[in-house]
Amino acid sequence: MTFSILAMDEKSGAIGCAAATGNLAVGGWVLRASARAGAAATQGLSVSPLWGDDALVHLANGATARGTVAQLTAEDSGRDYRQLSVLDRSGGVAAWTGPLNTDHKGQIDGRGYVIAGNWLSSVTVLDEMEARFLDSATGHDDFGRRLLETLAAGIAAGSDSRGTLSAAIQIVHPNRAPLDLRVDYDEDPLGRLKAIYALATTEPYAAWTDIVPTLEDPYRC
């Protein structure tokens, strides 16, 4: 029912995640990100938001992405109905796709990124997302737009087999304000999300985010 990407921007050190689905509220259900820890995407036929929350706790305590996925899936008897992707602060990635999720389903990962989906119109959705993400690595300074274009490639390749109704993006960085934007139900959720992203990354809103506290400067104002 959902496809997602978790990635680390090698240029800035930011961690980002983005997702889209043919159901409601993909950001609230699927995405978790923390500048202290990393990111997780929890999705599937019987999605467990607990996995996302617990993944960030494990990562913050020093666990790797691989160790986090192994522990959470081992503990959960419902794991075969769920899907989990994890990205740690060093850029390590890992994922689990339960065999009882609705086809088409799968995962792809590489250095600093992991892409996963289920209930897809075709596994080509994941391939096209990866191709767009990798192709945009050169000469693309806007990490958020790169993630949004990765979602666009997935939608163009067939998306969720039920269509696309919600989309979300999160970006975290130790010295920047967090970005957490969501469109929960819309005929063109990605188009709406791109418009909101443009507002959030230009004046006057962007200037205000430059003075809010961050991990590296917790008292700035």
Protein backbone atom coordinates (compact mmCIF):
# COMPACT_ATOMS: atom_id res chain seq x y z
CA MET A 1 0.00 0.00 0.00
CA THR A 2 3.01 2.26 0.30
CA PHE A 3 6.38 3.09 -1.25
CA SER A 4 9.14 5.00 0.49
CA ILE A 5 12.75 6.12 0.39
CA LEU A 6 15.17 6.76 3.24
CA ALA A 7 18.44 8.45 2.29
CA MET A 8 21.44 10.36 3.57
CA ASP A 9 22.66 13.42 1.70
CA GLU A 10 26.43 13.01 1.41
CA LYS A 11 26.91 16.72 0.74
CA SER A 12 25.16 18.08 3.82
CA GLY A 13 24.86 15.10 6.16
CA ALA A 14 21.08 15.49 6.27
CA ILE A 15 18.84 12.45 6.62
CA GLY A 16 15.62 12.42 4.65
CA CYS A 17 12.65 10.19 4.07
CA ALA A 18 9.66 10.41 1.76
CA ALA A 19 6.66 8.20 1.11
CA ALA A 20 3.40 7.97 -0.81
CA THR A 21 0.39 5.67 -0.61
CA GLY A 22 -3.10 4.97 -1.92
CA ASN A 23 -4.48 5.37 1.58
CA LEU A 24 -4.68 8.10 4.24
CA ALA A 25 -1.95 9.82 6.25
CA VAL A 26 1.23 8.18 4.98
CA GLY A 27 3.46 10.55 6.94
CA GLY A 28 1.85 9.79 10.29
CA TRP A 29 1.79 6.03 9.76
CA VAL A 30 5.06 5.41 7.94
CA LEU A 31 7.84 7.93 8.45
CA ARG A 32 10.05 8.47 11.48
CA ALA A 33 13.22 10.59 11.51
CA SER A 34 15.54 12.01 14.16
CA ALA A 35 18.75 14.00 13.82
CA ARG A 36 20.00 12.14 16.90
CA ALA A 37 19.41 8.69 15.46
CA GLY A 38 18.45 8.19 11.82
CA ALA A 39 15.24 7.28 10.05
CA ALA A 40 12.75 4.47 9.63
CA ALA A 41 9.82 3.66 7.37
CA THR A 42 7.29 1.17 8.71
CA GLN A 43 4.60 0.04 6.30
CA GLY A 44 2.78 -3.06 5.09
CA LEU A 45 -0.54 -4.87 5.12
CA SER A 46 -0.63 -4.63 8.94
CA VAL A 47 1.62 -1.63 9.53
CA SER A 48 3.19 -1.27 13.00
CA PRO A 49 3.93 2.34 13.99
CA LEU A 50 5.65 0.81 17.04
CA TRP A 51 8.39 -0.44 14.74
CA GLY A 52 9.20 3.11 13.65
CA ASP A 53 9.26 4.49 17.17
CA ASP A 54 11.29 1.57 18.50
CA ALA A 55 13.74 1.78 15.60
CA LEU A 56 14.66 5.34 16.55
CA VAL A 57 15.20 4.29 20.16
CA HIS A 58 17.52 1.47 19.11
CA LEU A 59 19.44 3.74 16.72
CA ALA A 60 19.81 6.47 19.36
CA ASN A 61 21.27 3.86 21.70
CA GLY A 62 23.96 2.98 19.16
CA ALA A 63 22.42 0.09 17.23
CA THR A 64 23.08 -0.20 13.50
CA ALA A 65 20.35 -0.28 10.89
CA ARG A 66 20.99 -3.98 10.32
CA GLY A 67 20.89 -4.79 14.02
CA THR A 68 17.73 -2.74 14.50
CA VAL A 69 15.84 -4.51 11.73
CA ALA A 70 17.00 -7.91 12.97
CA GLN A 71 15.88 -7.26 16.53
CA LEU A 72 12.49 -5.73 15.74
CA THR A 73 11.51 -8.42 13.26
CA ALA A 74 12.70 -11.24 15.52
CA GLU A 75 10.51 -10.00 18.38
CA ASP A 76 7.30 -9.58 16.35
CA SER A 77 5.16 -12.63 15.51
CA GLY A 78 3.27 -10.48 12.97
CA ARG A 79 6.40 -9.59 11.01
CA ASP A 80 5.31 -11.47 7.87
CA TYR A 81 2.55 -8.87 7.36
CA ARG A 82 4.83 -5.88 7.78
CA GLN A 83 7.65 -4.04 6.04
CA LEU A 84 10.45 -2.03 7.65
CA SER A 85 13.31 0.11 6.34
CA VAL A 86 15.98 1.67 8.57
CA LEU A 87 18.81 4.16 7.96
CA ASP A 88 21.38 4.87 10.68
CA ARG A 89 23.51 7.97 11.22
CA SER A 90 26.51 6.45 9.47
CA GLY A 91 24.49 5.81 6.32
CA GLY A 92 24.01 2.10 6.97
CA VAL A 93 20.72 0.67 5.75
CA ALA A 94 18.65 -2.48 6.19
CA ALA A 95 15.12 -3.61 5.36
CA TRP A 96 12.60 -6.39 5.89
CA THR A 97 9.70 -7.30 3.62
CA GLY A 98 7.29 -9.81 5.12
CA PRO A 99 6.23 -12.49 2.61
CA LEU A 100 2.52 -12.08 3.42
CA ASN A 101 2.37 -8.46 2.30
CA THR A 102 0.31 -7.76 -0.82
CA ASP A 103 2.11 -8.01 -4.15
CA HIS A 104 3.91 -6.44 -5.74
CA LYS A 105 6.42 -5.87 -2.95
CA GLY A 106 10.15 -5.61 -2.38
CA GLN A 107 13.12 -3.47 -1.44
CA ILE A 108 16.26 -2.03 -3.02
CA ASP A 109 19.22 -0.52 -1.21
CA GLY A 110 22.62 0.96 -1.89
CA ARG A 111 25.13 3.23 -0.24
CA GLY A 112 23.17 5.60 1.97
CA TYR A 113 19.68 4.80 0.71
CA VAL A 114 16.92 2.19 0.91
CA ILE A 115 13.72 2.06 -1.15
CA ALA A 116 10.80 -0.24 -0.32
CA GLY A 117 7.18 -0.79 -1.27
CA ASN A 118 4.21 -3.11 -1.19
CA TRP A 119 0.81 -3.32 -2.91
CA LEU A 120 2.54 -1.82 -5.93
CA SER A 121 1.24 -1.96 -9.48
CA SER A 122 4.64 -3.43 -10.45
CA VAL A 123 8.09 -3.95 -8.99
CA THR A 124 9.19 -1.51 -11.68
CA VAL A 125 8.05 1.22 -9.30
CA LEU A 126 11.04 0.52 -7.06
CA ASP A 127 13.46 0.25 -9.99
CA GLU A 128 12.36 3.60 -11.40
CA MET A 129 12.62 5.26 -8.01
CA GLU A 130 16.18 4.03 -7.58
CA ALA A 131 17.14 5.12 -11.09
CA ARG A 132 15.76 8.62 -10.52
CA PHE A 133 17.46 8.95 -7.14
CA LEU A 134 20.84 7.87 -8.48
CA ASP A 135 20.55 9.93 -11.66
CA SER A 136 19.85 13.07 -9.64
CA ALA A 137 22.97 12.68 -7.48
CA THR A 138 25.11 14.83 -9.77
CA GLY A 139 24.47 18.55 -9.90
CA HIS A 140 21.40 18.50 -7.63
CA ASP A 141 21.89 20.66 -4.53
CA ASP A 142 18.32 20.45 -3.21
CA PHE A 143 18.09 17.21 -1.25
CA GLY A 144 14.39 17.59 -0.56
CA ARG A 145 13.51 18.06 -4.21
CA ARG A 146 15.61 15.04 -5.01
CA LEU A 147 13.48 12.95 -2.63
CA LEU A 148 10.27 14.39 -4.08
CA GLU A 149 11.40 13.59 -7.61
CA THR A 150 12.12 10.05 -6.47
CA LEU A 151 8.49 9.77 -5.36
CA ALA A 152 7.41 11.24 -8.69
CA ALA A 153 9.28 8.49 -10.51
CA GLY A 154 7.45 5.88 -8.46
CA ILE A 155 4.09 7.43 -9.23
CA ALA A 156 4.88 7.67 -12.94
CA ALA A 157 5.89 4.00 -12.97
CA GLY A 158 2.52 2.87 -11.62
CA SER A 159 2.45 3.85 -7.93
CA ASP A 160 0.36 2.03 -5.36
CA SER A 161 -1.99 -0.23 -7.32
CA ARG A 162 -4.94 1.72 -5.84
CA GLY A 163 -3.58 5.10 -6.89
CA THR A 164 -1.92 7.86 -4.86
CA LEU A 165 -3.82 9.74 -2.15
CA SER A 166 -1.23 10.92 0.38
CA ALA A 167 2.44 11.87 0.39
CA ALA A 168 4.96 13.07 2.96
CA ILE A 169 8.56 14.15 3.43
CA GLN A 170 10.81 14.56 6.48
CA ILE A 171 14.36 15.93 6.59
CA VAL A 172 16.51 16.20 9.73
CA HIS A 173 19.99 17.63 10.32
CA PRO A 174 21.95 18.34 13.53
CA ASN A 175 22.34 22.03 12.65
CA ARG A 176 19.12 22.79 10.75
CA ALA A 177 15.47 23.00 11.68
CA PRO A 178 13.57 19.79 10.96
CA LEU A 179 11.23 19.62 7.97
CA ASP A 180 8.07 17.53 8.32
CA LEU A 181 5.46 18.07 5.60
CA ARG A 182 2.40 15.98 4.81
CA VAL A 183 -0.57 15.84 2.46
CA ASP A 184 -2.99 13.39 4.00
CA TYR A 185 -5.69 13.05 1.31
CA ASP A 186 -5.71 14.70 -2.10
CA GLU A 187 -6.24 13.90 -5.77
CA ASP A 188 -2.67 15.13 -6.44
CA PRO A 189 -0.84 14.68 -3.14
CA LEU A 190 2.65 14.98 -4.58
CA GLY A 191 1.79 18.16 -6.45
CA ARG A 192 0.42 19.65 -3.25
CA LEU A 193 3.45 18.46 -1.30
CA LYS A 194 5.83 20.07 -3.79
CA ALA A 195 3.96 23.36 -3.41
CA ILE A 196 4.16 23.20 0.39
CA TYR A 197 7.85 22.29 0.18
CA ALA A 198 8.49 25.37 -1.98
CA LEU A 199 6.82 27.56 0.66
CA ALA A 200 8.80 25.93 3.47
CA THR A 201 12.17 26.42 1.79
CA THR A 202 11.82 30.04 0.63
CA GLU A 203 11.33 33.40 2.35
CA PRO A 204 9.85 34.34 4.72
CA TYR A 205 9.42 30.91 6.31
CA ALA A 206 12.97 29.76 5.55
CA ALA A 207 14.45 32.81 7.29
CA TRP A 208 12.52 32.01 10.46
CA THR A 209 13.80 28.43 10.54
CA ASP A 210 17.35 29.79 10.51
CA ILE A 211 16.94 31.05 14.09
CA VAL A 212 15.21 28.12 15.79
CA PRO A 213 17.28 25.85 18.10
CA THR A 214 19.09 22.80 16.72
CA LEU A 215 21.08 19.96 18.22
CA GLU A 216 24.37 21.71 17.56
CA ASP A 217 23.06 25.12 18.69
CA PRO A 218 20.27 24.40 21.19
CA TYR A 219 19.97 27.93 22.59
CA ARG A 220 20.00 30.06 19.48
CA CYS A 221 17.17 32.51 18.84
